[in-house]
Amino acid sequence: MDKEFSAAGTKERLLGAACSVFSEKGYEKATIAEICKKADANIASVNYHYKNKEELYNEVWRYAHQATISAYPVDAGVTPSSSPEERLYAFVLAMLKRILGKGETSMFMRLMVKEMAEPSALLHNMIDNTIVPNAMQLSDIIRELLGGKATERQVVMCRLSIASQYVIFCFNQPVRKRLFGREELAEQEINDLAKHITNFCIAGIESMKDNEVENA
């Protein structure tokens, strides 16, 4: 029993250490040796529990993604029968909390930022499994807001515009500190920011109804 508990502890320590090292250095620059040192484990334990570096990285993404979506689901406080405006607010609020949160709940966003800046060969698979499902949910909300005559181009353009307003907070800790006097925002400030983004986007979507903007 003690041996089984020890093995489970080693696996968890490796996963925690890998989350930290991969989010700081990215896939290519992170080393198994550094992860093992941080986890107080030997290299053989990585081979035993995760087979190799690639599988460990995949598991880190799965773990971090599950932690953040469990803590901040995009449909928190709403139902399928809620208005698209309410569902858009819930979606934006969840994304901001994922980005601006602390600890494990923000680990996924830090991993994503590092992966986008220094892409590994695993990027496309990770996008398909973690980012695309959220994009599809947001697209469904946008279609309702635009109405029955919405074109796919309108939906995509709106989705990019909405996402850009919360994704920017992944990259601008120094700007946040300059604007707000600190990098961390209070819960009410995050709620207010989500309301502002939602209202701003709804106004933009309203202006697009039945009025596709032509390329210049």
N, C-alpha and C. Protein backbone atom coordinates (compact mmCIF):
# COMPACT_ATOMS: atom_id res chain seq x y z
N MET A 1 0.83 -1.20 0.00
CA MET A 1 0.00 0.00 0.00
C MET A 1 0.87 1.26 0.00
N ASP A 2 1.92 1.26 0.86
CA ASP A 2 2.81 2.42 0.92
C ASP A 2 3.49 2.65 -0.41
N LYS A 3 3.86 1.52 -1.07
CA LYS A 3 4.54 1.63 -2.36
C LYS A 3 3.61 2.25 -3.40
N GLU A 4 2.32 1.85 -3.40
CA GLU A 4 1.36 2.40 -4.34
C GLU A 4 1.14 3.89 -4.08
N PHE A 5 1.05 4.26 -2.80
CA PHE A 5 0.86 5.66 -2.45
C PHE A 5 2.06 6.49 -2.90
N SER A 6 3.26 5.93 -2.71
CA SER A 6 4.48 6.63 -3.11
C SER A 6 4.52 6.83 -4.61
N ALA A 7 4.11 5.80 -5.37
CA ALA A 7 4.10 5.91 -6.82
C ALA A 7 3.12 6.97 -7.29
N ALA A 8 1.93 7.00 -6.66
CA ALA A 8 0.93 8.00 -7.02
C ALA A 8 1.44 9.40 -6.71
N GLY A 9 2.14 9.55 -5.57
CA GLY A 9 2.69 10.84 -5.21
C GLY A 9 3.73 11.31 -6.20
N THR A 10 4.54 10.39 -6.68
CA THR A 10 5.57 10.73 -7.66
C THR A 10 4.93 11.21 -8.96
N LYS A 11 3.89 10.53 -9.40
CA LYS A 11 3.21 10.91 -10.63
C LYS A 11 2.61 12.31 -10.52
N GLU A 12 2.01 12.60 -9.38
CA GLU A 12 1.41 13.92 -9.17
C GLU A 12 2.48 15.01 -9.09
N ARG A 13 3.59 14.70 -8.44
CA ARG A 13 4.68 15.68 -8.34
C ARG A 13 5.26 15.98 -9.72
N LEU A 14 5.41 14.94 -10.52
CA LEU A 14 5.92 15.13 -11.88
C LEU A 14 4.98 16.02 -12.70
N LEU A 15 3.69 15.77 -12.57
CA LEU A 15 2.71 16.55 -13.32
C LEU A 15 2.74 18.02 -12.88
N GLY A 16 2.79 18.25 -11.57
CA GLY A 16 2.84 19.62 -11.07
C GLY A 16 4.10 20.34 -11.50
N ALA A 17 5.23 19.65 -11.42
CA ALA A 17 6.50 20.25 -11.83
C ALA A 17 6.50 20.53 -13.33
N ALA A 18 5.95 19.60 -14.11
CA ALA A 18 5.90 19.78 -15.56
C ALA A 18 5.03 20.97 -15.94
N CYS A 19 3.91 21.14 -15.25
CA CYS A 19 3.05 22.30 -15.51
C CYS A 19 3.84 23.59 -15.33
N SER A 20 4.58 23.67 -14.26
CA SER A 20 5.36 24.87 -13.96
C SER A 20 6.46 25.11 -14.99
N VAL A 21 7.22 24.07 -15.30
CA VAL A 21 8.37 24.22 -16.20
C VAL A 21 7.91 24.47 -17.64
N PHE A 22 6.92 23.72 -18.11
CA PHE A 22 6.44 23.91 -19.48
C PHE A 22 5.83 25.30 -19.67
N SER A 23 5.08 25.78 -18.68
CA SER A 23 4.44 27.10 -18.82
C SER A 23 5.47 28.22 -18.78
N GLU A 24 6.60 27.96 -18.15
CA GLU A 24 7.65 28.98 -18.06
C GLU A 24 8.60 28.95 -19.26
N LYS A 25 8.93 27.74 -19.74
CA LYS A 25 9.96 27.62 -20.77
C LYS A 25 9.46 27.11 -22.11
N GLY A 26 8.24 26.58 -22.16
CA GLY A 26 7.76 26.02 -23.41
C GLY A 26 8.24 24.59 -23.60
N TYR A 27 7.69 23.93 -24.60
CA TYR A 27 7.99 22.51 -24.81
C TYR A 27 9.44 22.27 -25.19
N GLU A 28 9.95 23.03 -26.13
CA GLU A 28 11.29 22.77 -26.66
C GLU A 28 12.39 23.02 -25.62
N LYS A 29 12.27 24.09 -24.86
CA LYS A 29 13.34 24.46 -23.93
C LYS A 29 13.25 23.74 -22.59
N ALA A 30 12.08 23.23 -22.26
CA ALA A 30 11.94 22.48 -21.01
C ALA A 30 12.67 21.15 -21.13
N THR A 31 13.27 20.71 -20.05
CA THR A 31 13.97 19.43 -20.06
C THR A 31 13.40 18.49 -19.01
N ILE A 32 13.47 17.21 -19.31
CA ILE A 32 13.01 16.21 -18.35
C ILE A 32 13.84 16.28 -17.08
N ALA A 33 15.13 16.56 -17.23
CA ALA A 33 16.01 16.64 -16.06
C ALA A 33 15.55 17.74 -15.11
N GLU A 34 15.18 18.90 -15.66
CA GLU A 34 14.73 20.00 -14.82
C GLU A 34 13.40 19.67 -14.14
N ILE A 35 12.51 19.04 -14.89
CA ILE A 35 11.21 18.65 -14.32
C ILE A 35 11.41 17.65 -13.18
N CYS A 36 12.29 16.68 -13.39
CA CYS A 36 12.54 15.67 -12.36
C CYS A 36 13.18 16.29 -11.12
N LYS A 37 14.07 17.23 -11.33
CA LYS A 37 14.70 17.90 -10.19
C LYS A 37 13.66 18.66 -9.37
N LYS A 38 12.76 19.35 -10.06
CA LYS A 38 11.72 20.11 -9.38
C LYS A 38 10.74 19.19 -8.65
N ALA A 39 10.52 18.01 -9.23
CA ALA A 39 9.56 17.05 -8.65
C ALA A 39 10.21 16.11 -7.64
N ASP A 40 11.53 16.23 -7.48
CA ASP A 40 12.27 15.32 -6.60
C ASP A 40 12.02 13.87 -7.03
N ALA A 41 12.21 13.64 -8.33
CA ALA A 41 11.98 12.30 -8.89
C ALA A 41 13.11 11.98 -9.86
N ASN A 42 13.24 10.72 -10.22
CA ASN A 42 14.28 10.35 -11.18
C ASN A 42 13.69 10.24 -12.59
N ILE A 43 14.57 10.26 -13.58
CA ILE A 43 14.13 10.26 -14.97
C ILE A 43 13.36 8.99 -15.32
N ALA A 44 13.72 7.89 -14.71
CA ALA A 44 13.03 6.63 -14.98
C ALA A 44 11.54 6.73 -14.62
N SER A 45 11.21 7.56 -13.63
CA SER A 45 9.81 7.69 -13.23
C SER A 45 8.97 8.36 -14.31
N VAL A 46 9.59 9.25 -15.11
CA VAL A 46 8.87 9.86 -16.23
C VAL A 46 8.55 8.80 -17.27
N ASN A 47 9.52 7.96 -17.57
CA ASN A 47 9.30 6.89 -18.54
C ASN A 47 8.22 5.92 -18.05
N TYR A 48 8.20 5.69 -16.74
CA TYR A 48 7.23 4.74 -16.17
C TYR A 48 5.81 5.30 -16.21
N HIS A 49 5.66 6.56 -15.81
CA HIS A 49 4.32 7.15 -15.68
C HIS A 49 3.81 7.78 -16.98
N TYR A 50 4.71 8.34 -17.79
CA TYR A 50 4.27 9.12 -18.95
C TYR A 50 4.93 8.71 -20.27
N LYS A 51 5.81 7.74 -20.23
CA LYS A 51 6.48 7.20 -21.41
C LYS A 51 7.57 8.13 -21.96
N ASN A 52 7.22 9.39 -22.23
CA ASN A 52 8.22 10.30 -22.81
C ASN A 52 7.78 11.75 -22.59
N LYS A 53 8.62 12.67 -23.04
CA LYS A 53 8.37 14.10 -22.85
C LYS A 53 7.09 14.54 -23.56
N GLU A 54 6.87 14.04 -24.76
CA GLU A 54 5.68 14.43 -25.53
C GLU A 54 4.40 14.04 -24.81
N GLU A 55 4.36 12.82 -24.29
CA GLU A 55 3.16 12.36 -23.60
C GLU A 55 2.96 13.13 -22.30
N LEU A 56 4.05 13.48 -21.63
CA LEU A 56 3.95 14.28 -20.41
C LEU A 56 3.38 15.66 -20.74
N TYR A 57 3.83 16.25 -21.83
CA TYR A 57 3.33 17.56 -22.25
C TYR A 57 1.84 17.49 -22.58
N ASN A 58 1.45 16.43 -23.28
CA ASN A 58 0.02 16.24 -23.59
C ASN A 58 -0.80 16.13 -22.31
N GLU A 59 -0.29 15.41 -21.33
CA GLU A 59 -1.01 15.23 -20.07
C GLU A 59 -1.09 16.54 -19.30
N VAL A 60 -0.04 17.34 -19.37
CA VAL A 60 -0.05 18.66 -18.73
C VAL A 60 -1.17 19.52 -19.33
N TRP A 61 -1.28 19.51 -20.65
CA TRP A 61 -2.34 20.28 -21.31
C TRP A 61 -3.72 19.78 -20.90
N ARG A 62 -3.90 18.47 -20.89
CA ARG A 62 -5.21 17.91 -20.50
C ARG A 62 -5.55 18.28 -19.07
N TYR A 63 -4.57 18.16 -18.20
CA TYR A 63 -4.79 18.46 -16.78
C TYR A 63 -5.11 19.94 -16.58
N ALA A 64 -4.30 20.81 -17.17
CA ALA A 64 -4.49 22.25 -17.00
C ALA A 64 -5.81 22.71 -17.62
N HIS A 65 -6.15 22.15 -18.77
CA HIS A 65 -7.39 22.52 -19.43
C HIS A 65 -8.59 22.10 -18.60
N GLN A 66 -8.56 20.89 -18.06
CA GLN A 66 -9.66 20.41 -17.24
C GLN A 66 -9.81 21.24 -15.97
N ALA A 67 -8.68 21.65 -15.39
CA ALA A 67 -8.72 22.47 -14.18
C ALA A 67 -9.39 23.81 -14.44
N THR A 68 -9.07 24.42 -15.57
CA THR A 68 -9.62 25.76 -15.84
C THR A 68 -11.08 25.70 -16.27
N ILE A 69 -11.48 24.69 -17.05
CA ILE A 69 -12.89 24.64 -17.46
C ILE A 69 -13.78 24.19 -16.31
N SER A 70 -13.23 23.43 -15.38
CA SER A 70 -14.00 23.03 -14.20
C SER A 70 -14.22 24.22 -13.28
N ALA A 71 -13.18 25.04 -13.13
CA ALA A 71 -13.29 26.21 -12.25
C ALA A 71 -14.15 27.30 -12.86
N TYR A 72 -14.03 27.49 -14.18
CA TYR A 72 -14.74 28.59 -14.84
C TYR A 72 -15.42 28.10 -16.13
N PRO A 73 -16.52 27.37 -16.01
CA PRO A 73 -17.25 26.91 -17.20
C PRO A 73 -17.87 28.09 -17.94
N VAL A 74 -17.92 28.02 -19.25
CA VAL A 74 -18.43 29.15 -20.04
C VAL A 74 -19.95 29.29 -19.95
N ASP A 75 -20.61 28.30 -19.37
CA ASP A 75 -22.07 28.39 -19.24
C ASP A 75 -22.49 28.52 -17.78
N ALA A 76 -21.60 29.00 -16.93
CA ALA A 76 -21.92 29.16 -15.51
C ALA A 76 -23.05 30.17 -15.33
N GLY A 77 -24.08 29.77 -14.60
CA GLY A 77 -25.17 30.68 -14.30
C GLY A 77 -26.19 30.86 -15.40
N VAL A 78 -26.02 30.16 -16.51
CA VAL A 78 -26.99 30.27 -17.61
C VAL A 78 -27.42 28.87 -18.04
N THR A 79 -28.47 28.83 -18.84
CA THR A 79 -28.98 27.57 -19.38
C THR A 79 -29.14 27.73 -20.90
N PRO A 80 -29.38 26.64 -21.62
CA PRO A 80 -29.60 26.77 -23.07
C PRO A 80 -30.76 27.69 -23.43
N SER A 81 -31.69 27.88 -22.49
CA SER A 81 -32.84 28.75 -22.76
C SER A 81 -32.56 30.21 -22.40
N SER A 82 -31.41 30.49 -21.81
CA SER A 82 -31.05 31.88 -21.49
C SER A 82 -30.87 32.67 -22.79
N SER A 83 -31.02 33.97 -22.70
CA SER A 83 -30.87 34.81 -23.89
C SER A 83 -29.43 34.75 -24.39
N PRO A 84 -29.20 35.00 -25.68
CA PRO A 84 -27.82 35.00 -26.18
C PRO A 84 -26.98 36.09 -25.52
N GLU A 85 -27.61 37.19 -25.12
CA GLU A 85 -26.88 38.25 -24.43
C GLU A 85 -26.35 37.75 -23.08
N GLU A 86 -27.19 37.02 -22.36
CA GLU A 86 -26.78 36.47 -21.06
C GLU A 86 -25.69 35.42 -21.25
N ARG A 87 -25.82 34.61 -22.28
CA ARG A 87 -24.83 33.56 -22.52
C ARG A 87 -23.50 34.15 -22.99
N LEU A 88 -23.56 35.25 -23.73
CA LEU A 88 -22.32 35.91 -24.15
C LEU A 88 -21.59 36.48 -22.93
N TYR A 89 -22.33 37.10 -22.03
CA TYR A 89 -21.71 37.64 -20.82
C TYR A 89 -21.06 36.52 -20.00
N ALA A 90 -21.76 35.40 -19.83
CA ALA A 90 -21.21 34.27 -19.08
C ALA A 90 -19.94 33.75 -19.74
N PHE A 91 -19.94 33.70 -21.06
CA PHE A 91 -18.78 33.21 -21.81
C PHE A 91 -17.59 34.14 -21.61
N VAL A 92 -17.81 35.43 -21.81
CA VAL A 92 -16.71 36.41 -21.68
C VAL A 92 -16.18 36.44 -20.24
N LEU A 93 -17.08 36.39 -19.27
CA LEU A 93 -16.66 36.40 -17.86
C LEU A 93 -15.80 35.18 -17.55
N ALA A 94 -16.21 34.01 -18.04
CA ALA A 94 -15.42 32.81 -17.79
C ALA A 94 -14.03 32.92 -18.40
N MET A 95 -13.95 33.46 -19.61
CA MET A 95 -12.66 33.60 -20.27
C MET A 95 -11.75 34.57 -19.52
N LEU A 96 -12.31 35.66 -19.06
CA LEU A 96 -11.51 36.62 -18.29
C LEU A 96 -11.02 36.01 -16.98
N LYS A 97 -11.87 35.25 -16.32
CA LYS A 97 -11.46 34.62 -15.07
C LYS A 97 -10.38 33.58 -15.31
N ARG A 98 -10.47 32.86 -16.42
CA ARG A 98 -9.43 31.89 -16.75
C ARG A 98 -8.09 32.58 -16.97
N ILE A 99 -8.14 33.73 -17.62
CA ILE A 99 -6.91 34.46 -17.94
C ILE A 99 -6.34 35.18 -16.72
N LEU A 100 -7.22 35.79 -15.94
CA LEU A 100 -6.78 36.64 -14.84
C LEU A 100 -6.72 35.91 -13.50
N GLY A 101 -7.09 34.63 -13.50
CA GLY A 101 -7.06 33.86 -12.27
C GLY A 101 -5.64 33.54 -11.82
N LYS A 102 -5.55 32.88 -10.68
CA LYS A 102 -4.25 32.53 -10.12
C LYS A 102 -4.18 31.02 -9.91
N GLY A 103 -2.96 30.52 -9.77
CA GLY A 103 -2.76 29.11 -9.46
C GLY A 103 -3.10 28.20 -10.64
N GLU A 104 -3.63 27.02 -10.32
CA GLU A 104 -3.90 26.01 -11.34
C GLU A 104 -4.89 26.50 -12.39
N THR A 105 -5.84 27.34 -11.98
CA THR A 105 -6.88 27.76 -12.92
C THR A 105 -6.34 28.65 -14.03
N SER A 106 -5.19 29.27 -13.82
CA SER A 106 -4.61 30.11 -14.86
C SER A 106 -3.47 29.41 -15.61
N MET A 107 -3.15 28.18 -15.18
CA MET A 107 -2.03 27.47 -15.78
C MET A 107 -2.25 27.21 -17.27
N PHE A 108 -3.48 26.87 -17.64
CA PHE A 108 -3.75 26.55 -19.04
C PHE A 108 -3.47 27.75 -19.94
N MET A 109 -3.90 28.94 -19.51
CA MET A 109 -3.68 30.13 -20.32
C MET A 109 -2.19 30.44 -20.45
N ARG A 110 -1.43 30.21 -19.39
CA ARG A 110 0.02 30.45 -19.47
C ARG A 110 0.67 29.45 -20.43
N LEU A 111 0.20 28.21 -20.39
CA LEU A 111 0.71 27.21 -21.34
C LEU A 111 0.37 27.60 -22.77
N MET A 112 -0.86 28.08 -22.97
CA MET A 112 -1.30 28.44 -24.31
C MET A 112 -0.49 29.61 -24.86
N VAL A 113 -0.26 30.62 -24.02
CA VAL A 113 0.51 31.78 -24.45
C VAL A 113 1.92 31.35 -24.87
N LYS A 114 2.53 30.48 -24.07
CA LYS A 114 3.88 30.02 -24.39
C LYS A 114 3.88 29.19 -25.67
N GLU A 115 2.87 28.37 -25.84
CA GLU A 115 2.78 27.53 -27.04
C GLU A 115 2.56 28.38 -28.29
N MET A 116 1.76 29.42 -28.17
CA MET A 116 1.52 30.31 -29.32
C MET A 116 2.79 31.07 -29.69
N ALA A 117 3.55 31.47 -28.68
CA ALA A 117 4.77 32.24 -28.93
C ALA A 117 5.88 31.35 -29.50
N GLU A 118 5.93 30.11 -29.03
CA GLU A 118 6.97 29.17 -29.46
C GLU A 118 6.30 27.84 -29.80
N PRO A 119 5.65 27.75 -30.96
CA PRO A 119 4.85 26.56 -31.29
C PRO A 119 5.67 25.28 -31.34
N SER A 120 5.09 24.23 -30.81
CA SER A 120 5.67 22.90 -30.92
C SER A 120 4.92 22.14 -32.01
N ALA A 121 5.36 20.93 -32.29
CA ALA A 121 4.70 20.11 -33.30
C ALA A 121 3.31 19.67 -32.84
N LEU A 122 3.01 19.86 -31.56
CA LEU A 122 1.74 19.42 -31.00
C LEU A 122 0.67 20.50 -31.03
N LEU A 123 1.00 21.69 -31.51
CA LEU A 123 0.09 22.83 -31.42
C LEU A 123 -1.26 22.56 -32.06
N HIS A 124 -1.28 22.06 -33.29
CA HIS A 124 -2.55 21.90 -34.01
C HIS A 124 -3.49 20.94 -33.29
N ASN A 125 -2.94 19.87 -32.77
CA ASN A 125 -3.77 18.91 -32.04
C ASN A 125 -4.35 19.54 -30.78
N MET A 126 -3.56 20.36 -30.12
CA MET A 126 -4.02 21.01 -28.89
C MET A 126 -5.11 22.04 -29.19
N ILE A 127 -4.95 22.77 -30.29
CA ILE A 127 -5.97 23.73 -30.69
C ILE A 127 -7.29 23.02 -30.96
N ASP A 128 -7.23 21.91 -31.69
CA ASP A 128 -8.44 21.17 -32.02
C ASP A 128 -9.16 20.67 -30.78
N ASN A 129 -8.40 20.27 -29.76
CA ASN A 129 -9.00 19.66 -28.58
C ASN A 129 -9.41 20.64 -27.50
N THR A 130 -8.85 21.85 -27.51
CA THR A 130 -9.13 22.77 -26.41
C THR A 130 -9.72 24.10 -26.85
N ILE A 131 -9.24 24.67 -27.94
CA ILE A 131 -9.68 26.00 -28.35
C ILE A 131 -10.89 25.94 -29.28
N VAL A 132 -10.88 25.00 -30.22
CA VAL A 132 -11.97 24.91 -31.19
C VAL A 132 -13.34 24.70 -30.54
N PRO A 133 -13.47 23.81 -29.53
CA PRO A 133 -14.80 23.65 -28.90
C PRO A 133 -15.36 24.96 -28.33
N ASN A 134 -14.50 25.77 -27.71
CA ASN A 134 -14.96 27.07 -27.20
C ASN A 134 -15.36 28.00 -28.34
N ALA A 135 -14.59 27.97 -29.42
CA ALA A 135 -14.90 28.82 -30.57
C ALA A 135 -16.26 28.45 -31.16
N MET A 136 -16.59 27.17 -31.18
CA MET A 136 -17.87 26.74 -31.71
C MET A 136 -19.03 27.20 -30.82
N GLN A 137 -18.81 27.16 -29.50
CA GLN A 137 -19.84 27.64 -28.58
C GLN A 137 -20.08 29.13 -28.76
N LEU A 138 -19.00 29.88 -28.90
CA LEU A 138 -19.13 31.32 -29.11
C LEU A 138 -19.82 31.61 -30.44
N SER A 139 -19.52 30.84 -31.46
CA SER A 139 -20.15 31.02 -32.77
C SER A 139 -21.66 30.83 -32.69
N ASP A 140 -22.09 29.84 -31.92
CA ASP A 140 -23.53 29.59 -31.77
C ASP A 140 -24.23 30.80 -31.15
N ILE A 141 -23.59 31.40 -30.15
CA ILE A 141 -24.17 32.58 -29.50
C ILE A 141 -24.25 33.74 -30.50
N ILE A 142 -23.19 33.92 -31.27
CA ILE A 142 -23.14 35.02 -32.23
C ILE A 142 -24.22 34.86 -33.30
N ARG A 143 -24.44 33.64 -33.76
CA ARG A 143 -25.48 33.40 -34.78
C ARG A 143 -26.85 33.83 -34.26
N GLU A 144 -27.11 33.54 -33.01
CA GLU A 144 -28.39 33.96 -32.43
C GLU A 144 -28.50 35.48 -32.36
N LEU A 145 -27.41 36.12 -32.00
CA LEU A 145 -27.42 37.58 -31.90
C LEU A 145 -27.56 38.24 -33.26
N LEU A 146 -26.95 37.65 -34.28
CA LEU A 146 -27.01 38.22 -35.63
C LEU A 146 -28.36 37.95 -36.30
N GLY A 147 -28.98 36.85 -35.95
CA GLY A 147 -30.26 36.52 -36.57
C GLY A 147 -30.11 35.56 -37.74
N GLY A 148 -31.23 35.18 -38.30
CA GLY A 148 -31.27 34.13 -39.31
C GLY A 148 -30.52 34.42 -40.59
N LYS A 149 -30.29 35.69 -40.91
CA LYS A 149 -29.63 36.02 -42.17
C LYS A 149 -28.11 36.14 -42.03
N ALA A 150 -27.58 35.76 -40.90
CA ALA A 150 -26.14 35.88 -40.67
C ALA A 150 -25.35 35.01 -41.64
N THR A 151 -24.28 35.57 -42.17
CA THR A 151 -23.38 34.80 -43.02
C THR A 151 -22.26 34.22 -42.15
N GLU A 152 -21.62 33.18 -42.66
CA GLU A 152 -20.52 32.57 -41.90
C GLU A 152 -19.37 33.56 -41.74
N ARG A 153 -19.19 34.41 -42.73
CA ARG A 153 -18.13 35.42 -42.64
C ARG A 153 -18.41 36.39 -41.50
N GLN A 154 -19.66 36.80 -41.34
CA GLN A 154 -20.03 37.68 -40.24
C GLN A 154 -19.76 37.01 -38.89
N VAL A 155 -20.12 35.74 -38.80
CA VAL A 155 -19.92 35.01 -37.55
C VAL A 155 -18.44 34.95 -37.20
N VAL A 156 -17.61 34.61 -38.18
CA VAL A 156 -16.17 34.50 -37.94
C VAL A 156 -15.58 35.85 -37.54
N MET A 157 -15.96 36.91 -38.25
CA MET A 157 -15.43 38.24 -37.94
C MET A 157 -15.83 38.68 -36.54
N CYS A 158 -17.08 38.41 -36.17
CA CYS A 158 -17.54 38.77 -34.82
C CYS A 158 -16.80 37.95 -33.76
N ARG A 159 -16.59 36.67 -34.05
CA ARG A 159 -15.90 35.82 -33.09
C ARG A 159 -14.47 36.31 -32.85
N LEU A 160 -13.79 36.68 -33.91
CA LEU A 160 -12.43 37.20 -33.77
C LEU A 160 -12.41 38.51 -32.99
N SER A 161 -13.39 39.36 -33.25
CA SER A 161 -13.46 40.65 -32.56
C SER A 161 -13.71 40.47 -31.07
N ILE A 162 -14.61 39.55 -30.73
CA ILE A 162 -14.92 39.31 -29.32
C ILE A 162 -13.72 38.70 -28.61
N ALA A 163 -13.15 37.66 -29.21
CA ALA A 163 -12.03 36.97 -28.57
C ALA A 163 -10.84 37.89 -28.35
N SER A 164 -10.60 38.80 -29.28
CA SER A 164 -9.44 39.68 -29.16
C SER A 164 -9.53 40.55 -27.91
N GLN A 165 -10.74 40.82 -27.44
CA GLN A 165 -10.91 41.72 -26.31
C GLN A 165 -10.62 41.06 -24.96
N TYR A 166 -10.64 39.73 -24.91
CA TYR A 166 -10.20 39.09 -23.67
C TYR A 166 -8.84 38.42 -23.81
N VAL A 167 -8.50 37.96 -25.01
CA VAL A 167 -7.20 37.32 -25.21
C VAL A 167 -6.06 38.30 -24.95
N ILE A 168 -6.28 39.59 -25.22
CA ILE A 168 -5.23 40.58 -25.01
C ILE A 168 -4.71 40.56 -23.58
N PHE A 169 -5.56 40.16 -22.64
CA PHE A 169 -5.14 40.15 -21.24
C PHE A 169 -4.18 39.00 -20.92
N CYS A 170 -4.02 38.08 -21.86
CA CYS A 170 -3.02 37.02 -21.68
C CYS A 170 -1.60 37.58 -21.78
N PHE A 171 -1.45 38.66 -22.52
CA PHE A 171 -0.12 39.11 -22.90
C PHE A 171 0.32 40.41 -22.25
N ASN A 172 -0.56 41.10 -21.54
CA ASN A 172 -0.22 42.48 -21.17
C ASN A 172 -0.20 42.74 -19.67
N GLN A 173 0.48 41.87 -18.90
CA GLN A 173 0.58 42.12 -17.46
C GLN A 173 1.18 43.49 -17.15
N PRO A 174 2.26 43.91 -17.84
CA PRO A 174 2.80 45.25 -17.56
C PRO A 174 1.81 46.37 -17.88
N VAL A 175 1.00 46.19 -18.94
CA VAL A 175 0.00 47.20 -19.28
C VAL A 175 -1.08 47.26 -18.21
N ARG A 176 -1.51 46.09 -17.72
CA ARG A 176 -2.51 46.06 -16.65
C ARG A 176 -2.00 46.82 -15.43
N LYS A 177 -0.74 46.61 -15.11
CA LYS A 177 -0.17 47.29 -13.94
C LYS A 177 -0.15 48.79 -14.15
N ARG A 178 0.14 49.21 -15.38
CA ARG A 178 0.20 50.64 -15.69
C ARG A 178 -1.19 51.27 -15.64
N LEU A 179 -2.19 50.56 -16.18
CA LEU A 179 -3.54 51.12 -16.25
C LEU A 179 -4.29 51.05 -14.93
N PHE A 180 -4.14 49.91 -14.22
CA PHE A 180 -4.91 49.70 -13.00
C PHE A 180 -4.10 49.89 -11.72
N GLY A 181 -2.78 50.11 -11.87
CA GLY A 181 -1.94 50.27 -10.70
C GLY A 181 -1.48 48.96 -10.10
N ARG A 182 -1.88 47.84 -10.71
CA ARG A 182 -1.51 46.51 -10.24
C ARG A 182 -1.83 45.51 -11.34
N GLU A 183 -1.20 44.35 -11.29
CA GLU A 183 -1.44 43.33 -12.31
C GLU A 183 -2.71 42.54 -12.04
N GLU A 184 -3.05 42.33 -10.77
CA GLU A 184 -4.23 41.55 -10.42
C GLU A 184 -5.45 42.46 -10.29
N LEU A 185 -6.58 42.01 -10.84
CA LEU A 185 -7.82 42.76 -10.76
C LEU A 185 -8.75 42.13 -9.73
N ALA A 186 -9.50 42.97 -9.03
CA ALA A 186 -10.49 42.47 -8.07
C ALA A 186 -11.64 41.82 -8.82
N GLU A 187 -12.39 40.97 -8.12
CA GLU A 187 -13.49 40.25 -8.76
C GLU A 187 -14.50 41.20 -9.39
N GLN A 188 -14.84 42.28 -8.69
CA GLN A 188 -15.81 43.23 -9.24
C GLN A 188 -15.28 43.90 -10.50
N GLU A 189 -13.98 44.16 -10.53
CA GLU A 189 -13.39 44.77 -11.73
C GLU A 189 -13.47 43.81 -12.92
N ILE A 190 -13.27 42.53 -12.66
CA ILE A 190 -13.38 41.54 -13.73
C ILE A 190 -14.82 41.45 -14.22
N ASN A 191 -15.77 41.48 -13.28
CA ASN A 191 -17.19 41.46 -13.67
C ASN A 191 -17.54 42.68 -14.51
N ASP A 192 -17.06 43.85 -14.08
CA ASP A 192 -17.34 45.09 -14.82
C ASP A 192 -16.71 45.05 -16.21
N LEU A 193 -15.52 44.50 -16.29
CA LEU A 193 -14.84 44.39 -17.58
C LEU A 193 -15.61 43.45 -18.51
N ALA A 194 -16.11 42.36 -17.96
CA ALA A 194 -16.90 41.42 -18.76
C ALA A 194 -18.18 42.08 -19.27
N LYS A 195 -18.82 42.88 -18.42
CA LYS A 195 -20.04 43.59 -18.84
C LYS A 195 -19.73 44.59 -19.95
N HIS A 196 -18.62 45.30 -19.79
CA HIS A 196 -18.24 46.28 -20.81
C HIS A 196 -17.98 45.60 -22.16
N ILE A 197 -17.18 44.54 -22.14
CA ILE A 197 -16.88 43.83 -23.39
C ILE A 197 -18.16 43.29 -24.02
N THR A 198 -19.03 42.72 -23.19
CA THR A 198 -20.29 42.17 -23.70
C THR A 198 -21.15 43.26 -24.34
N ASN A 199 -21.34 44.36 -23.64
CA ASN A 199 -22.17 45.45 -24.18
C ASN A 199 -21.57 46.04 -25.44
N PHE A 200 -20.26 46.20 -25.44
CA PHE A 200 -19.56 46.74 -26.60
C PHE A 200 -19.75 45.83 -27.81
N CYS A 201 -19.61 44.52 -27.58
CA CYS A 201 -19.74 43.56 -28.68
C CYS A 201 -21.17 43.45 -29.18
N ILE A 202 -22.13 43.48 -28.27
CA ILE A 202 -23.53 43.41 -28.68
C ILE A 202 -23.89 44.61 -29.56
N ALA A 203 -23.39 45.79 -29.18
CA ALA A 203 -23.66 46.99 -29.99
C ALA A 203 -23.05 46.83 -31.39
N GLY A 204 -21.86 46.26 -31.46
CA GLY A 204 -21.24 46.04 -32.76
C GLY A 204 -21.99 45.02 -33.59
N ILE A 205 -22.45 43.96 -32.95
CA ILE A 205 -23.20 42.92 -33.66
C ILE A 205 -24.52 43.48 -34.18
N GLU A 206 -25.17 44.31 -33.38
CA GLU A 206 -26.43 44.92 -33.80
C GLU A 206 -26.24 45.73 -35.08
N SER A 207 -25.10 46.41 -35.17
CA SER A 207 -24.85 47.25 -36.34
C SER A 207 -24.57 46.43 -37.59
N MET A 208 -24.23 45.15 -37.40
CA MET A 208 -23.91 44.29 -38.54
C MET A 208 -25.11 43.55 -39.10
N LYS A 209 -26.19 43.54 -38.38
CA LYS A 209 -27.36 42.79 -38.84
C LYS A 209 -27.79 43.25 -40.23
N ASP A 210 -27.88 42.30 -41.12
CA ASP A 210 -28.32 42.57 -42.49
C ASP A 210 -27.49 43.65 -43.18
N ASN A 211 -26.25 43.83 -42.71
CA ASN A 211 -25.43 44.91 -43.27
C ASN A 211 -23.98 44.48 -43.30
N GLU A 212 -23.65 43.47 -44.08
CA GLU A 212 -22.29 42.97 -44.19
C GLU A 212 -21.37 44.08 -44.70
N VAL A 213 -20.28 44.29 -43.96
CA VAL A 213 -19.31 45.32 -44.35
C VAL A 213 -18.44 44.80 -45.48
N GLU A 214 -18.37 45.56 -46.55
CA GLU A 214 -17.56 45.16 -47.70
C GLU A 214 -16.09 45.45 -47.44
N ASN A 215 -15.23 44.61 -48.01
CA ASN A 215 -13.80 44.87 -47.90
C ASN A 215 -13.45 46.14 -48.66
N ALA A 216 -12.54 46.91 -48.07
CA ALA A 216 -12.12 48.15 -48.73
C ALA A 216 -11.28 47.82 -49.95
